[in-house]
Amino acid sequence: MSEQHKGIHWLVGFAAFVIIIAALKEASQIVVPFMLSVFIAIICAPAMSSLRRRNLPTWLSILVVVLVILIGISSIAVLVGASLDNFSSQLPNYKTRFGEEMSGLIQMINRLGLHISYDQVKGYIDPSALMQMVANALRGLGSALTNLVLVVMIVIFILFEAVELPKKLSLAFSDASKSMDKFDSFIKSVNRYLVIKTLLSMLTGVLITFFMWVLGVDFPILWGVCAFLLNFVPNIGSIIAAVPAVLLAFVQLGSLSAGLVAGVFLIVNLIVGNVIEPRYMGRGLGLSTLVVFLSLLLWGWVFGPVGMLLSIPLTIIMKLAFEANPKMHWLAVMIDSKVDGDK
């Protein structure tokens, strides 16, 4: 009988999960700006706390932080928007150049004794379609930020609420000190992860932009922004970011430059991801590759491009929450990239 009750319990839990996912998809126009606001607020909270420790009033600290957010997002939006327009207009030319470059490459391969026709390759590889997909994904993210006033207002309210939350919890609960310790530890872990990941992603984006500019690849800022955003996706994010840039380098500058661009992405991501990130982040926040892939599929389907970008931070936060709750610790172990014996 107990086994039957356990089966019913799991079935009800799964049904509730499906209903919640369906509700989130239907309410995505409201949920997506709120999610963006929460992530921006968490990233900005340390800067606000630092200003308040210097005896600035709360309202002035929030105003300074919000102004920096507005200037940063607006500048990136203008630069990326201009690059996207030029990029889309150049796609027909890139398609023609791809045909020319592939013909030369196939002739070289045929001289080595491997007989391949361009028509066969053309049926499997369409660089313009792939690059257009990248442009559409960035436009989807831009459309989520078009409601910038709503996002900024939510960020302001969250930052104001964060200042008063400890007082409210201490008044609301009799055992607030114990609950606050757990909650404070969880928030610090989430905050530390998001801030460090954002800074490292910015470093990746700046390095990619610089090297693309040095190598003469068109739209270096666009590929830097792609590298910045996709650095939040472990394991496969750097590969996804590199593919359109390598294809463009191949189309624009030839196979040698494409190899150099691929090498730049590889070296930058190896240094940032395998040397710098473990030093500051620690090795305990890895996710299983399967979990990463399923998170991308699920949250991308629910929330679109924004969901794909926020899927891994969201899953990391869930993992930290599972680790903080002894009853849910087994879930944290299941989605981790390694077991304790491998660490």
C-alpha atoms as a PDB file:
ATOM      1  CA  MET A   1       0.000   0.000   0.000  1.00  0.00           C
ATOM      2  CA  SER A   2       2.853   2.359   0.838  1.00  0.00           C
ATOM      3  CA  GLU A   3       4.398   1.725  -2.592  1.00  0.00           C
ATOM      4  CA  GLN A   4       1.078   2.603  -4.199  1.00  0.00           C
ATOM      5  CA  HIS A   5       0.872   5.832  -2.183  1.00  0.00           C
ATOM      6  CA  LYS A   6       4.449   6.660  -3.199  1.00  0.00           C
ATOM      7  CA  GLY A   7       3.568   6.100  -6.872  1.00  0.00           C
ATOM      8  CA  ILE A   8       0.511   8.358  -6.576  1.00  0.00           C
ATOM      9  CA  HIS A   9       2.659  10.989  -4.832  1.00  0.00           C
ATOM     10  CA  TRP A  10       5.174  11.003  -7.725  1.00  0.00           C
ATOM     11  CA  LEU A  11       2.378  11.068 -10.310  1.00  0.00           C
ATOM     12  CA  VAL A  12       0.708  14.060  -8.638  1.00  0.00           C
ATOM     13  CA  GLY A  13       4.073  15.821  -8.417  1.00  0.00           C
ATOM     14  CA  PHE A  14       4.727  15.265 -12.132  1.00  0.00           C
ATOM     15  CA  ALA A  15       1.229  16.485 -13.046  1.00  0.00           C
ATOM     16  CA  ALA A  16       1.772  19.628 -10.944  1.00  0.00           C
ATOM     17  CA  PHE A  17       5.113  20.227 -12.707  1.00  0.00           C
ATOM     18  CA  VAL A  18       3.464  19.955 -16.153  1.00  0.00           C
ATOM     19  CA  ILE A  19       0.690  22.371 -15.123  1.00  0.00           C
ATOM     20  CA  ILE A  20       3.228  24.882 -13.768  1.00  0.00           C
ATOM     21  CA  ILE A  21       5.312  24.718 -16.977  1.00  0.00           C
ATOM     22  CA  ALA A  22       2.187  25.227 -19.116  1.00  0.00           C
ATOM     23  CA  ALA A  23       1.134  28.189 -16.961  1.00  0.00           C
ATOM     24  CA  LEU A  24       4.608  29.739 -17.213  1.00  0.00           C
ATOM     25  CA  LYS A  25       4.543  29.415 -21.012  1.00  0.00           C
ATOM     26  CA  GLU A  26       1.159  31.106 -21.196  1.00  0.00           C
ATOM     27  CA  ALA A  27       2.319  33.906 -18.860  1.00  0.00           C
ATOM     28  CA  SER A  28       5.748  34.300 -20.506  1.00  0.00           C
ATOM     29  CA  GLN A  29       5.107  37.948 -21.476  1.00  0.00           C
ATOM     30  CA  ILE A  30       4.889  38.776 -17.767  1.00  0.00           C
ATOM     31  CA  VAL A  31       7.313  36.190 -16.379  1.00  0.00           C
ATOM     32  CA  VAL A  32      10.240  36.961 -18.739  1.00  0.00           C
ATOM     33  CA  PRO A  33      10.603  40.659 -17.764  1.00  0.00           C
ATOM     34  CA  PHE A  34      10.262  39.646 -14.103  1.00  0.00           C
ATOM     35  CA  MET A  35      12.985  36.986 -14.446  1.00  0.00           C
ATOM     36  CA  LEU A  36      15.309  39.458 -16.160  1.00  0.00           C
ATOM     37  CA  SER A  37      14.619  41.982 -13.416  1.00  0.00           C
ATOM     38  CA  VAL A  38      15.403  39.474 -10.666  1.00  0.00           C
ATOM     39  CA  PHE A  39      18.709  38.481 -12.267  1.00  0.00           C
ATOM     40  CA  ILE A  40      19.712  42.106 -12.854  1.00  0.00           C
ATOM     41  CA  ALA A  41      18.766  42.992  -9.256  1.00  0.00           C
ATOM     42  CA  ILE A  42      20.808  40.101  -7.830  1.00  0.00           C
ATOM     43  CA  ILE A  43      23.835  41.118  -9.900  1.00  0.00           C
ATOM     44  CA  CYS A  44      23.478  44.771  -8.853  1.00  0.00           C
ATOM     45  CA  ALA A  45      22.846  44.116  -5.143  1.00  0.00           C
ATOM     46  CA  PRO A  46      26.568  44.054  -4.129  1.00  0.00           C
ATOM     47  CA  ALA A  47      27.177  47.430  -5.824  1.00  0.00           C
ATOM     48  CA  MET A  48      24.182  48.914  -4.015  1.00  0.00           C
ATOM     49  CA  SER A  49      25.342  47.477  -0.662  1.00  0.00           C
ATOM     50  CA  SER A  50      28.828  48.920  -1.251  1.00  0.00           C
ATOM     51  CA  LEU A  51      27.376  52.386  -1.886  1.00  0.00           C
ATOM     52  CA  ARG A  52      25.174  52.158   1.226  1.00  0.00           C
ATOM     53  CA  ARG A  53      28.218  51.214   3.337  1.00  0.00           C
ATOM     54  CA  ARG A  54      29.749  54.510   2.182  1.00  0.00           C
ATOM     55  CA  ASN A  55      26.798  56.279   3.874  1.00  0.00           C
ATOM     56  CA  LEU A  56      24.884  57.031   0.678  1.00  0.00           C
ATOM     57  CA  PRO A  57      21.107  57.011   1.181  1.00  0.00           C
ATOM     58  CA  THR A  58      19.294  53.937  -0.114  1.00  0.00           C
ATOM     59  CA  TRP A  59      17.399  55.886  -2.779  1.00  0.00           C
ATOM     60  CA  LEU A  60      20.597  57.499  -4.095  1.00  0.00           C
ATOM     61  CA  SER A  61      22.455  54.152  -4.159  1.00  0.00           C
ATOM     62  CA  ILE A  62      19.636  52.574  -6.178  1.00  0.00           C
ATOM     63  CA  LEU A  63      19.510  55.597  -8.499  1.00  0.00           C
ATOM     64  CA  VAL A  64      23.246  55.332  -9.252  1.00  0.00           C
ATOM     65  CA  VAL A  65      23.001  51.574  -9.893  1.00  0.00           C
ATOM     66  CA  VAL A  66      19.929  51.956 -12.136  1.00  0.00           C
ATOM     67  CA  LEU A  67      21.589  54.737 -14.166  1.00  0.00           C
ATOM     68  CA  VAL A  68      24.613  52.499 -14.770  1.00  0.00           C
ATOM     69  CA  ILE A  69      22.260  49.671 -15.871  1.00  0.00           C
ATOM     70  CA  LEU A  70      20.391  51.976 -18.255  1.00  0.00           C
ATOM     71  CA  ILE A  71      23.567  53.377 -19.809  1.00  0.00           C
ATOM     72  CA  GLY A  72      25.109  49.896 -20.186  1.00  0.00           C
ATOM     73  CA  ILE A  73      22.049  48.197 -21.679  1.00  0.00           C
ATOM     74  CA  SER A  74      21.238  51.144 -23.971  1.00  0.00           C
ATOM     75  CA  SER A  75      24.814  51.321 -25.304  1.00  0.00           C
ATOM     76  CA  ILE A  76      24.935  47.575 -26.013  1.00  0.00           C
ATOM     77  CA  ALA A  77      21.448  47.656 -27.580  1.00  0.00           C
ATOM     78  CA  VAL A  78      22.414  50.485 -29.966  1.00  0.00           C
ATOM     79  CA  LEU A  79      25.685  48.829 -31.020  1.00  0.00           C
ATOM     80  CA  VAL A  80      24.166  45.350 -31.441  1.00  0.00           C
ATOM     81  CA  GLY A  81      21.080  46.712 -33.203  1.00  0.00           C
ATOM     82  CA  ALA A  82      23.192  48.537 -35.794  1.00  0.00           C
ATOM     83  CA  SER A  83      25.381  45.448 -36.291  1.00  0.00           C
ATOM     84  CA  LEU A  84      22.342  43.200 -36.718  1.00  0.00           C
ATOM     85  CA  ASP A  85      20.838  45.436 -39.406  1.00  0.00           C
ATOM     86  CA  ASN A  86      24.106  45.519 -41.377  1.00  0.00           C
ATOM     87  CA  PHE A  87      24.611  41.799 -40.809  1.00  0.00           C
ATOM     88  CA  SER A  88      21.154  40.917 -42.183  1.00  0.00           C
ATOM     89  CA  SER A  89      21.686  43.098 -45.252  1.00  0.00           C
ATOM     90  CA  GLN A  90      25.007  41.357 -45.977  1.00  0.00           C
ATOM     91  CA  LEU A  91      23.645  37.792 -45.785  1.00  0.00           C
ATOM     92  CA  PRO A  92      23.063  37.397 -49.576  1.00  0.00           C
ATOM     93  CA  ASN A  93      26.667  38.451 -50.232  1.00  0.00           C
ATOM     94  CA  TYR A  94      27.934  36.032 -47.600  1.00  0.00           C
ATOM     95  CA  LYS A  95      25.970  33.209 -49.216  1.00  0.00           C
ATOM     96  CA  THR A  96      27.631  33.930 -52.580  1.00  0.00           C
ATOM     97  CA  ARG A  97      31.067  34.111 -50.976  1.00  0.00           C
ATOM     98  CA  PHE A  98      30.424  30.825 -49.160  1.00  0.00           C
ATOM     99  CA  GLY A  99      29.796  29.126 -52.501  1.00  0.00           C
ATOM    100  CA  GLU A 100      33.078  30.484 -53.887  1.00  0.00           C
ATOM    101  CA  GLU A 101      35.103  29.458 -50.826  1.00  0.00           C
ATOM    102  CA  MET A 102      33.515  25.990 -50.694  1.00  0.00           C
ATOM    103  CA  SER A 103      34.212  25.411 -54.402  1.00  0.00           C
ATOM    104  CA  GLY A 104      37.909  26.148 -53.848  1.00  0.00           C
ATOM    105  CA  LEU A 105      38.020  23.943 -50.748  1.00  0.00           C
ATOM    106  CA  ILE A 106      36.253  21.050 -52.528  1.00  0.00           C
ATOM    107  CA  GLN A 107      38.671  21.262 -55.448  1.00  0.00           C
ATOM    108  CA  MET A 108      41.554  20.965 -52.992  1.00  0.00           C
ATOM    109  CA  ILE A 109      39.908  17.926 -51.341  1.00  0.00           C
ATOM    110  CA  ASN A 110      39.248  16.318 -54.752  1.00  0.00           C
ATOM    111  CA  ARG A 111      42.922  16.681 -55.641  1.00  0.00           C
ATOM    112  CA  LEU A 112      43.684  14.592 -52.540  1.00  0.00           C
ATOM    113  CA  GLY A 113      41.571  11.743 -53.946  1.00  0.00           C
ATOM    114  CA  LEU A 114      38.292  12.348 -52.063  1.00  0.00           C
ATOM    115  CA  HIS A 115      35.549  13.074 -54.603  1.00  0.00           C
ATOM    116  CA  ILE A 116      32.909  15.453 -53.234  1.00  0.00           C
ATOM    117  CA  SER A 117      30.578  17.714 -55.193  1.00  0.00           C
ATOM    118  CA  TYR A 118      29.487  21.191 -54.061  1.00  0.00           C
ATOM    119  CA  ASP A 119      25.823  20.246 -54.545  1.00  0.00           C
ATOM    120  CA  GLN A 120      26.198  17.539 -51.874  1.00  0.00           C
ATOM    121  CA  VAL A 121      27.723  19.979 -49.401  1.00  0.00           C
ATOM    122  CA  LYS A 122      25.175  22.694 -50.178  1.00  0.00           C
ATOM    123  CA  GLY A 123      22.360  20.330 -49.245  1.00  0.00           C
ATOM    124  CA  TYR A 124      23.742  19.911 -45.720  1.00  0.00           C
ATOM    125  CA  ILE A 125      25.307  23.305 -44.943  1.00  0.00           C
ATOM    126  CA  ASP A 126      23.552  26.649 -45.335  1.00  0.00           C
ATOM    127  CA  PRO A 127      25.565  29.320 -43.499  1.00  0.00           C
ATOM    128  CA  SER A 128      23.055  32.071 -44.217  1.00  0.00           C
ATOM    129  CA  ALA A 129      20.299  30.085 -42.468  1.00  0.00           C
ATOM    130  CA  LEU A 130      22.517  29.495 -39.428  1.00  0.00           C
ATOM    131  CA  MET A 131      23.590  33.127 -39.233  1.00  0.00           C
ATOM    132  CA  GLN A 132      19.998  34.285 -39.654  1.00  0.00           C
ATOM    133  CA  MET A 133      19.047  32.018 -36.758  1.00  0.00           C
ATOM    134  CA  VAL A 134      21.672  33.761 -34.591  1.00  0.00           C
ATOM    135  CA  ALA A 135      20.330  37.163 -35.637  1.00  0.00           C
ATOM    136  CA  ASN A 136      16.754  36.098 -34.837  1.00  0.00           C
ATOM    137  CA  ALA A 137      17.808  34.835 -31.399  1.00  0.00           C
ATOM    138  CA  LEU A 138      19.493  38.162 -30.592  1.00  0.00           C
ATOM    139  CA  ARG A 139      16.432  40.034 -31.837  1.00  0.00           C
ATOM    140  CA  GLY A 140      14.289  37.864 -29.545  1.00  0.00           C
ATOM    141  CA  LEU A 141      16.436  38.935 -26.607  1.00  0.00           C
ATOM    142  CA  GLY A 142      16.210  42.550 -27.762  1.00  0.00           C
ATOM    143  CA  SER A 143      12.415  42.344 -27.904  1.00  0.00           C
ATOM    144  CA  ALA A 144      12.409  41.192 -24.276  1.00  0.00           C
ATOM    145  CA  LEU A 145      14.434  44.283 -23.349  1.00  0.00           C
ATOM    146  CA  THR A 146      12.198  46.652 -25.321  1.00  0.00           C
ATOM    147  CA  ASN A 147       9.960  46.873 -22.273  1.00  0.00           C
ATOM    148  CA  LEU A 148      12.948  48.386 -20.491  1.00  0.00           C
ATOM    149  CA  VAL A 149      10.853  50.741 -18.355  1.00  0.00           C
ATOM    150  CA  LEU A 150       8.988  47.802 -16.790  1.00  0.00           C
ATOM    151  CA  VAL A 151      12.235  45.871 -16.177  1.00  0.00           C
ATOM    152  CA  VAL A 152      13.913  48.884 -14.533  1.00  0.00           C
ATOM    153  CA  MET A 153      10.878  49.608 -12.338  1.00  0.00           C
ATOM    154  CA  ILE A 154      10.801  46.000 -11.119  1.00  0.00           C
ATOM    155  CA  VAL A 155      14.569  46.154 -10.417  1.00  0.00           C
ATOM    156  CA  ILE A 156      14.073  49.330  -8.350  1.00  0.00           C
ATOM    157  CA  PHE A 157      11.261  47.770  -6.298  1.00  0.00           C
ATOM    158  CA  ILE A 158      13.266  44.562  -5.735  1.00  0.00           C
ATOM    159  CA  LEU A 159      16.317  46.524  -4.525  1.00  0.00           C
ATOM    160  CA  PHE A 160      14.160  48.602  -2.147  1.00  0.00           C
ATOM    161  CA  GLU A 161      12.492  45.420  -0.878  1.00  0.00           C
ATOM    162  CA  ALA A 162      15.857  43.693  -0.359  1.00  0.00           C
ATOM    163  CA  VAL A 163      16.839  46.407   2.134  1.00  0.00           C
ATOM    164  CA  GLU A 164      13.721  45.884   4.259  1.00  0.00           C
ATOM    165  CA  LEU A 165      13.389  42.095   3.891  1.00  0.00           C
ATOM    166  CA  PRO A 166      15.484  41.090   6.958  1.00  0.00           C
ATOM    167  CA  LYS A 167      13.388  43.347   9.202  1.00  0.00           C
ATOM    168  CA  LYS A 168      10.137  41.961   7.792  1.00  0.00           C
ATOM    169  CA  LEU A 169      11.249  38.353   8.273  1.00  0.00           C
ATOM    170  CA  SER A 170      12.346  38.985  11.857  1.00  0.00           C
ATOM    171  CA  LEU A 171       8.900  40.419  12.628  1.00  0.00           C
ATOM    172  CA  ALA A 172       6.987  37.750  10.690  1.00  0.00           C
ATOM    173  CA  PHE A 173       8.584  34.589  12.150  1.00  0.00           C
ATOM    174  CA  SER A 174       9.422  33.607  15.720  1.00  0.00           C
ATOM    175  CA  ASP A 175      12.438  31.512  14.631  1.00  0.00           C
ATOM    176  CA  ALA A 176      13.576  34.166  12.162  1.00  0.00           C
ATOM    177  CA  SER A 177      17.248  34.018  13.154  1.00  0.00           C
ATOM    178  CA  LYS A 178      17.633  30.371  12.099  1.00  0.00           C
ATOM    179  CA  SER A 179      15.603  30.875   8.919  1.00  0.00           C
ATOM    180  CA  MET A 180      17.512  34.039   8.100  1.00  0.00           C
ATOM    181  CA  ASP A 181      20.864  32.263   8.437  1.00  0.00           C
ATOM    182  CA  LYS A 182      19.827  29.643   5.877  1.00  0.00           C
ATOM    183  CA  PHE A 183      18.221  32.238   3.618  1.00  0.00           C
ATOM    184  CA  ASP A 184      21.229  34.558   3.878  1.00  0.00           C
ATOM    185  CA  SER A 185      23.622  31.721   3.036  1.00  0.00           C
ATOM    186  CA  PHE A 186      21.518  30.744   0.011  1.00  0.00           C
ATOM    187  CA  ILE A 187      21.255  34.346  -1.264  1.00  0.00           C
ATOM    188  CA  LYS A 188      25.010  34.889  -0.852  1.00  0.00           C
ATOM    189  CA  SER A 189      25.735  31.713  -2.846  1.00  0.00           C
ATOM    190  CA  VAL A 190      23.362  32.749  -5.634  1.00  0.00           C
ATOM    191  CA  ASN A 191      24.698  36.313  -5.631  1.00  0.00           C
ATOM    192  CA  ARG A 192      28.320  35.176  -5.718  1.00  0.00           C
ATOM    193  CA  TYR A 193      27.658  32.790  -8.596  1.00  0.00           C
ATOM    194  CA  LEU A 194      25.792  35.344 -10.722  1.00  0.00           C
ATOM    195  CA  VAL A 195      28.238  38.203 -10.111  1.00  0.00           C
ATOM    196  CA  ILE A 196      31.356  36.111 -10.838  1.00  0.00           C
ATOM    197  CA  LYS A 197      29.744  34.453 -13.869  1.00  0.00           C
ATOM    198  CA  THR A 198      28.664  37.834 -15.246  1.00  0.00           C
ATOM    199  CA  LEU A 199      32.140  39.350 -14.803  1.00  0.00           C
ATOM    200  CA  LEU A 200      33.814  36.330 -16.427  1.00  0.00           C
ATOM    201  CA  SER A 201      31.293  36.419 -19.289  1.00  0.00           C
ATOM    202  CA  MET A 202      32.068  40.123 -19.778  1.00  0.00           C
ATOM    203  CA  LEU A 203      35.786  39.275 -19.890  1.00  0.00           C
ATOM    204  CA  THR A 204      35.090  36.579 -22.495  1.00  0.00           C
ATOM    205  CA  GLY A 205      33.010  38.975 -24.581  1.00  0.00           C
ATOM    206  CA  VAL A 206      35.651  41.740 -24.463  1.00  0.00           C
ATOM    207  CA  LEU A 207      38.446  39.338 -25.448  1.00  0.00           C
ATOM    208  CA  ILE A 208      36.433  37.854 -28.333  1.00  0.00           C
ATOM    209  CA  THR A 209      35.492  41.347 -29.573  1.00  0.00           C
ATOM    210  CA  PHE A 210      39.143  42.454 -29.466  1.00  0.00           C
ATOM    211  CA  PHE A 211      40.502  39.408 -31.292  1.00  0.00           C
ATOM    212  CA  MET A 212      37.726  39.482 -33.927  1.00  0.00           C
ATOM    213  CA  TRP A 213      38.617  43.127 -34.566  1.00  0.00           C
ATOM    214  CA  VAL A 214      42.333  42.290 -34.799  1.00  0.00           C
ATOM    215  CA  LEU A 215      41.651  39.442 -37.264  1.00  0.00           C
ATOM    216  CA  GLY A 216      39.400  41.690 -39.375  1.00  0.00           C
ATOM    217  CA  VAL A 217      36.168  39.700 -38.966  1.00  0.00           C
ATOM    218  CA  ASP A 218      33.031  41.762 -39.661  1.00  0.00           C
ATOM    219  CA  PHE A 219      30.827  42.810 -36.722  1.00  0.00           C
ATOM    220  CA  PRO A 220      33.253  42.006 -33.858  1.00  0.00           C
ATOM    221  CA  ILE A 221      30.909  43.559 -31.272  1.00  0.00           C
ATOM    222  CA  LEU A 222      28.117  41.200 -32.352  1.00  0.00           C
ATOM    223  CA  TRP A 223      30.294  38.110 -31.805  1.00  0.00           C
ATOM    224  CA  GLY A 224      31.540  39.513 -28.495  1.00  0.00           C
ATOM    225  CA  VAL A 225      27.962  39.928 -27.273  1.00  0.00           C
ATOM    226  CA  CYS A 226      27.151  36.371 -28.425  1.00  0.00           C
ATOM    227  CA  ALA A 227      30.201  35.068 -26.512  1.00  0.00           C
ATOM    228  CA  PHE A 228      29.153  37.069 -23.420  1.00  0.00           C
ATOM    229  CA  LEU A 229      25.593  35.735 -23.427  1.00  0.00           C
ATOM    230  CA  LEU A 230      26.430  32.122 -24.281  1.00  0.00           C
ATOM    231  CA  ASN A 231      29.199  31.952 -21.674  1.00  0.00           C
ATOM    232  CA  PHE A 232      26.352  31.467 -19.170  1.00  0.00           C
ATOM    233  CA  VAL A 233      25.739  28.086 -20.850  1.00  0.00           C
ATOM    234  CA  PRO A 234      28.493  25.640 -19.788  1.00  0.00           C
ATOM    235  CA  ASN A 235      29.920  22.896 -22.014  1.00  0.00           C
ATOM    236  CA  ILE A 236      28.127  23.806 -25.236  1.00  0.00           C
ATOM    237  CA  GLY A 237      27.701  27.607 -25.038  1.00  0.00           C
ATOM    238  CA  SER A 238      31.180  28.415 -26.317  1.00  0.00           C
ATOM    239  CA  ILE A 239      30.706  26.018 -29.265  1.00  0.00           C
ATOM    240  CA  ILE A 240      27.381  27.615 -30.218  1.00  0.00           C
ATOM    241  CA  ALA A 241      28.949  31.101 -30.004  1.00  0.00           C
ATOM    242  CA  ALA A 242      31.958  30.081 -32.124  1.00  0.00           C
ATOM    243  CA  VAL A 243      30.121  28.434 -35.049  1.00  0.00           C
ATOM    244  CA  PRO A 244      28.612  31.564 -36.723  1.00  0.00           C
ATOM    245  CA  ALA A 245      31.805  33.594 -36.167  1.00  0.00           C
ATOM    246  CA  VAL A 246      33.972  30.825 -37.689  1.00  0.00           C
ATOM    247  CA  LEU A 247      31.596  30.499 -40.648  1.00  0.00           C
ATOM    248  CA  LEU A 248      31.661  34.253 -41.234  1.00  0.00           C
ATOM    249  CA  ALA A 249      35.478  34.273 -41.079  1.00  0.00           C
ATOM    250  CA  PHE A 250      35.534  31.405 -43.613  1.00  0.00           C
ATOM    251  CA  VAL A 251      33.137  33.249 -45.923  1.00  0.00           C
ATOM    252  CA  GLN A 252      34.776  36.656 -45.541  1.00  0.00           C
ATOM    253  CA  LEU A 253      38.489  35.895 -45.156  1.00  0.00           C
ATOM    254  CA  GLY A 254      39.070  32.264 -46.120  1.00  0.00           C
ATOM    255  CA  SER A 255      39.826  28.956 -44.427  1.00  0.00           C
ATOM    256  CA  LEU A 256      43.052  30.110 -42.713  1.00  0.00           C
ATOM    257  CA  SER A 257      41.286  32.968 -40.910  1.00  0.00           C
ATOM    258  CA  ALA A 258      38.435  30.624 -39.992  1.00  0.00           C
ATOM    259  CA  GLY A 259      40.987  28.340 -38.323  1.00  0.00           C
ATOM    260  CA  LEU A 260      42.483  31.315 -36.454  1.00  0.00           C
ATOM    261  CA  VAL A 261      39.021  32.396 -35.234  1.00  0.00           C
ATOM    262  CA  ALA A 262      38.278  28.850 -34.042  1.00  0.00           C
ATOM    263  CA  GLY A 263      41.637  28.856 -32.230  1.00  0.00           C
ATOM    264  CA  VAL A 264      40.853  32.193 -30.565  1.00  0.00           C
ATOM    265  CA  PHE A 265      37.509  30.908 -29.260  1.00  0.00           C
ATOM    266  CA  LEU A 266      39.159  27.718 -28.038  1.00  0.00           C
ATOM    267  CA  ILE A 267      42.011  29.488 -26.226  1.00  0.00           C
ATOM    268  CA  VAL A 268      39.816  32.206 -24.662  1.00  0.00           C
ATOM    269  CA  ASN A 269      37.255  29.698 -23.390  1.00  0.00           C
ATOM    270  CA  LEU A 270      39.948  27.322 -22.106  1.00  0.00           C
ATOM    271  CA  ILE A 271      41.660  30.107 -20.163  1.00  0.00           C
ATOM    272  CA  VAL A 272      38.477  31.699 -18.803  1.00  0.00           C
ATOM    273  CA  GLY A 273      36.519  28.465 -18.290  1.00  0.00           C
ATOM    274  CA  ASN A 274      39.263  26.096 -17.086  1.00  0.00           C
ATOM    275  CA  VAL A 275      41.783  28.407 -15.394  1.00  0.00           C
ATOM    276  CA  ILE A 276      40.140  31.608 -14.146  1.00  0.00           C
ATOM    277  CA  GLU A 277      36.586  30.403 -13.423  1.00  0.00           C
ATOM    278  CA  PRO A 278      37.468  27.406 -11.169  1.00  0.00           C
ATOM    279  CA  ARG A 279      39.812  29.649  -9.168  1.00  0.00           C
ATOM    280  CA  TYR A 280      37.081  32.151  -8.266  1.00  0.00           C
ATOM    281  CA  MET A 281      33.922  30.071  -8.613  1.00  0.00           C
ATOM    282  CA  GLY A 282      35.055  26.750  -7.174  1.00  0.00           C
ATOM    283  CA  ARG A 283      34.357  23.369  -8.742  1.00  0.00           C
ATOM    284  CA  GLY A 284      31.149  22.629  -6.880  1.00  0.00           C
ATOM    285  CA  LEU A 285      28.708  24.348  -9.236  1.00  0.00           C
ATOM    286  CA  GLY A 286      28.997  22.068 -12.257  1.00  0.00           C
ATOM    287  CA  LEU A 287      25.952  20.617 -13.958  1.00  0.00           C
ATOM    288  CA  SER A 288      25.584  17.342 -15.803  1.00  0.00           C
ATOM    289  CA  THR A 289      25.839  17.822 -19.584  1.00  0.00           C
ATOM    290  CA  LEU A 290      22.474  16.095 -19.979  1.00  0.00           C
ATOM    291  CA  VAL A 291      20.914  18.502 -17.451  1.00  0.00           C
ATOM    292  CA  VAL A 292      22.402  21.469 -19.347  1.00  0.00           C
ATOM    293  CA  PHE A 293      20.958  20.242 -22.646  1.00  0.00           C
ATOM    294  CA  LEU A 294      17.516  19.453 -21.181  1.00  0.00           C
ATOM    295  CA  SER A 295      17.429  22.834 -19.399  1.00  0.00           C
ATOM    296  CA  LEU A 296      18.149  24.614 -22.671  1.00  0.00           C
ATOM    297  CA  LEU A 297      15.374  22.700 -24.439  1.00  0.00           C
ATOM    298  CA  LEU A 298      12.806  23.134 -21.666  1.00  0.00           C
ATOM    299  CA  TRP A 299      13.324  26.807 -20.797  1.00  0.00           C
ATOM    300  CA  GLY A 300      13.969  27.728 -24.434  1.00  0.00           C
ATOM    301  CA  TRP A 301      10.601  26.210 -25.343  1.00  0.00           C
ATOM    302  CA  VAL A 302       8.850  27.959 -22.437  1.00  0.00           C
ATOM    303  CA  PHE A 303      10.448  31.423 -22.618  1.00  0.00           C
ATOM    304  CA  GLY A 304      12.216  31.590 -26.001  1.00  0.00           C
ATOM    305  CA  PRO A 305      15.793  32.950 -26.387  1.00  0.00           C
ATOM    306  CA  VAL A 306      15.701  34.615 -22.955  1.00  0.00           C
ATOM    307  CA  GLY A 307      14.770  31.282 -21.396  1.00  0.00           C
ATOM    308  CA  MET A 308      17.758  29.595 -23.044  1.00  0.00           C
ATOM    309  CA  LEU A 309      20.133  32.253 -21.698  1.00  0.00           C
ATOM    310  CA  LEU A 310      18.679  32.171 -18.187  1.00  0.00           C
ATOM    311  CA  SER A 311      18.153  28.396 -18.085  1.00  0.00           C
ATOM    312  CA  ILE A 312      21.552  27.510 -16.608  1.00  0.00           C
ATOM    313  CA  PRO A 313      21.651  30.269 -13.933  1.00  0.00           C
ATOM    314  CA  LEU A 314      18.103  29.216 -13.037  1.00  0.00           C
ATOM    315  CA  THR A 315      19.138  25.557 -12.757  1.00  0.00           C
ATOM    316  CA  ILE A 316      22.196  26.506 -10.679  1.00  0.00           C
ATOM    317  CA  ILE A 317      19.933  28.439  -8.294  1.00  0.00           C
ATOM    318  CA  MET A 318      17.652  25.386  -8.034  1.00  0.00           C
ATOM    319  CA  LYS A 319      20.710  23.240  -7.279  1.00  0.00           C
ATOM    320  CA  LEU A 320      21.831  25.634  -4.510  1.00  0.00           C
ATOM    321  CA  ALA A 321      18.303  25.521  -3.068  1.00  0.00           C
ATOM    322  CA  PHE A 322      18.324  21.701  -3.158  1.00  0.00           C
ATOM    323  CA  GLU A 323      21.707  21.648  -1.377  1.00  0.00           C
ATOM    324  CA  ALA A 324      20.350  23.950   1.352  1.00  0.00           C
ATOM    325  CA  ASN A 325      17.437  21.563   2.040  1.00  0.00           C
ATOM    326  CA  PRO A 326      18.523  18.157   3.448  1.00  0.00           C
ATOM    327  CA  LYS A 327      15.371  16.471   2.087  1.00  0.00           C
ATOM    328  CA  MET A 328      16.152  17.649  -1.458  1.00  0.00           C
ATOM    329  CA  HIS A 329      19.917  17.098  -1.357  1.00  0.00           C
ATOM    330  CA  TRP A 330      19.599  13.955  -3.490  1.00  0.00           C
ATOM    331  CA  LEU A 331      18.296  16.103  -6.376  1.00  0.00           C
ATOM    332  CA  ALA A 332      21.392  18.330  -6.147  1.00  0.00           C
ATOM    333  CA  VAL A 333      23.552  15.188  -6.393  1.00  0.00           C
ATOM    334  CA  MET A 334      21.602  13.914  -9.420  1.00  0.00           C
ATOM    335  CA  ILE A 335      22.031  17.107 -11.472  1.00  0.00           C
ATOM    336  CA  ASP A 336      25.663  17.667 -10.473  1.00  0.00           C
ATOM    337  CA  SER A 337      28.406  17.067 -13.034  1.00  0.00           C
ATOM    338  CA  LYS A 338      30.442  14.946 -10.624  1.00  0.00           C
ATOM    339  CA  VAL A 339      29.915  12.748  -7.602  1.00  0.00           C
ATOM    340  CA  ASP A 340      31.801  13.392  -4.365  1.00  0.00           C
ATOM    341  CA  GLY A 341      34.353  10.705  -5.098  1.00  0.00           C
ATOM    342  CA  ASP A 342      35.371  12.432  -8.341  1.00  0.00           C
ATOM    343  CA  LYS A 343      35.933  15.856  -6.860  1.00  0.00           C
END
